[in-house]
Protein backbone atom coordinates (compact mmCIF):
# COMPACT_ATOMS: atom_id res chain seq x y z
CA MET A 1 36.35 32.51 -33.04
CA LYS A 2 35.73 29.66 -34.59
CA LYS A 3 37.96 27.86 -34.57
CA MET A 4 39.14 28.75 -30.67
CA GLY A 5 35.87 27.34 -29.79
CA VAL A 6 36.17 24.61 -31.09
CA LEU A 7 39.87 23.38 -29.62
CA VAL A 8 37.77 24.17 -26.48
CA ILE A 9 35.18 21.47 -27.01
CA ILE A 10 37.73 19.05 -28.19
CA LEU A 11 39.96 20.19 -25.08
CA ILE A 12 36.60 19.31 -22.47
CA LEU A 13 35.81 15.89 -24.59
CA PHE A 14 39.35 14.83 -24.16
CA GLY A 15 39.67 15.80 -20.31
CA VAL A 16 36.54 14.21 -19.87
CA TYR A 17 37.74 10.95 -22.24
CA CYS A 18 41.20 10.68 -20.12
CA PHE A 19 39.28 10.87 -16.22
CA ASN A 20 37.00 8.60 -17.39
CA SER A 21 39.25 5.81 -18.98
CA ASN A 22 41.53 5.09 -15.71
CA LYS A 23 38.95 4.44 -13.52
CA LYS A 24 39.19 0.95 -12.45
CA THR A 25 36.65 -1.84 -10.93
CA LEU A 26 36.14 -3.57 -8.46
CA ASP A 27 36.59 -6.97 -9.58
CA LEU A 28 33.79 -9.79 -8.02
CA PRO A 29 33.81 -12.88 -9.49
CA ASP A 30 31.09 -15.36 -9.91
CA THR A 31 30.43 -16.73 -6.40
CA SER A 32 30.71 -20.75 -6.52
CA LYS A 33 32.40 -20.23 -3.19
CA VAL A 34 32.68 -17.76 -0.40
CA GLU A 35 34.28 -18.23 2.40
CA PHE A 36 34.25 -14.74 5.03
CA GLY A 37 36.90 -14.72 8.06
CA HIS A 38 37.16 -12.70 10.62
CA VAL A 39 40.97 -12.05 11.28
CA HIS A 40 41.85 -9.69 15.02
CA GLY A 41 45.31 -9.16 15.50
CA GLY A 42 46.76 -10.29 12.09
CA ALA A 43 45.45 -14.67 13.13
CA MET A 44 42.41 -15.93 11.77
CA THR A 45 39.78 -16.55 14.55
CA THR A 46 36.68 -17.19 12.67
CA VAL A 47 36.03 -19.02 9.02
CA TYR A 48 32.35 -19.07 7.47
CA GLU A 49 31.14 -20.86 4.77
CA CYS A 50 27.80 -19.35 2.62
CA ASP A 51 26.31 -19.81 0.54
CA GLU A 52 25.96 -18.57 -2.91
CA SER A 53 22.41 -17.76 -3.00
CA LYS A 54 22.25 -16.01 0.71
CA ILE A 55 24.91 -13.68 -0.70
CA SER A 56 24.04 -12.11 -4.12
CA SER A 57 22.60 -9.63 -3.36
CA LEU A 58 25.01 -8.92 -0.94
CA ILE A 59 27.93 -8.43 -3.77
CA LYS A 60 25.52 -6.28 -5.83
CA ASP A 61 25.29 -3.91 -2.78
CA ILE A 62 29.42 -3.56 -3.32
CA GLU A 63 29.20 -3.01 -6.56
CA GLU A 64 26.64 -0.85 -7.09
CA LYS A 65 28.17 1.56 -3.54
CA SER A 66 31.09 0.92 -3.67
CA SER A 67 33.97 3.86 -5.54
CA TYR A 68 37.73 3.84 -5.58
CA SER A 69 39.54 5.31 -3.45
CA LYS A 70 43.18 4.42 -3.67
CA GLU A 71 45.63 2.00 -5.15
CA SER A 72 46.03 -0.96 -3.01
CA VAL A 73 49.63 -2.14 -2.77
CA ASN A 74 49.44 -4.47 0.35
CA ASP A 75 49.14 -8.49 0.62
CA ASN A 76 45.90 -7.19 2.81
CA PRO A 77 45.01 -4.48 5.17
CA ASN A 78 47.94 -3.46 8.05
CA GLY A 79 46.74 -2.34 11.35
CA VAL A 80 43.29 -3.00 11.38
CA ASP A 81 40.48 -5.66 12.06
CA TYR A 82 39.13 -6.91 9.28
CA ILE A 83 36.67 -9.56 7.51
CA LYS A 84 38.62 -11.94 4.62
CA VAL A 85 36.16 -13.10 2.20
CA LYS A 86 37.21 -15.86 -0.49
CA MET A 87 35.19 -15.47 -3.80
CA ASP A 88 36.20 -18.32 -5.97
CA THR A 89 39.55 -17.83 -6.38
CA LYS A 90 40.25 -13.82 -5.25
CA THR A 91 40.42 -13.20 -1.96
CA TYR A 92 39.00 -9.30 -0.44
CA TYR A 93 39.67 -7.48 2.52
CA ILE A 94 36.10 -5.72 4.12
CA CYS A 95 38.31 -2.78 7.20
CA GLU A 96 37.16 0.36 8.66
CA ARG A 97 40.35 2.97 9.44
CA ASN A 98 39.76 6.39 10.71
CA GLY A 99 36.09 6.16 10.71
CA LYS A 100 35.30 5.17 7.15
CA THR A 101 34.65 1.79 5.44
CA TYR A 102 36.81 -0.28 2.58
CA ILE A 103 37.04 -3.10 0.11
CA GLU A 104 40.08 -4.14 -0.39
CA GLU A 105 41.08 -6.18 -3.57
CA PRO A 106 44.77 -7.44 -3.13
CA TYR A 107 46.97 -5.30 -6.07
CA ASN A 108 44.26 -3.73 -7.56
CA GLY A 109 42.56 -1.33 -5.76
CA ILE A 110 40.38 -0.16 -2.24
CA TRP A 111 37.65 1.00 -3.07
CA LYS A 112 35.43 3.06 -0.02
CA ILE A 113 31.66 1.10 1.04
CA PRO A 114 28.57 2.92 3.20
CA SER A 115 28.90 1.92 6.74
CA ASP A 116 25.76 0.51 6.74
CA LEU A 117 26.85 -2.10 4.63
CA TYR A 118 30.06 -2.19 6.75
CA LYS A 119 27.94 -3.01 9.66
CA THR A 120 25.23 -5.71 7.61
CA ILE A 121 28.54 -7.77 6.91
CA LYS A 122 29.87 -7.60 10.16
CA ASN A 123 26.67 -7.98 11.93
CA ASN A 124 25.11 -10.69 9.28
CA LYS A 125 27.71 -13.30 8.55
CA ASP A 126 26.18 -16.00 11.13
CA LYS A 127 23.11 -15.38 8.89
CA LEU A 128 24.70 -16.36 6.06
CA ILE A 129 26.54 -19.86 7.67
CA VAL A 130 26.05 -22.41 6.06
CA GLU A 131 28.77 -24.75 8.13
CA TYR A 132 30.87 -23.57 11.16
CA GLU A 133 34.66 -24.16 11.14
CA ASP A 134 36.40 -23.24 14.90
């Protein structure tokens, strides 16, 4: 009977390990230069360059509040308007699809983010602007 109990505990621990070891993480680099671009209908309409110090709290919010949703198999989100964010050499896409909000790192994953965080990004881009390009 004791052997059966030990075996059950070992199987439970192994299952927990397997479940947690396969989690992907959103890879956000240090922000030496951050650019936001709004894409509508597949065409870049506006580019916003942001100061590193102004964006650091936003990056922290994304890291803390995002949760892995699914794999990313595209270069960018298809069929939706999105905000393109470039940090160092990486590009991220923030979009709303079917009432849910996401941040996508191409070929790494798609993470669900709270809608209030998406609205903050979308509505406050102009407050983060250092330079404006059209």
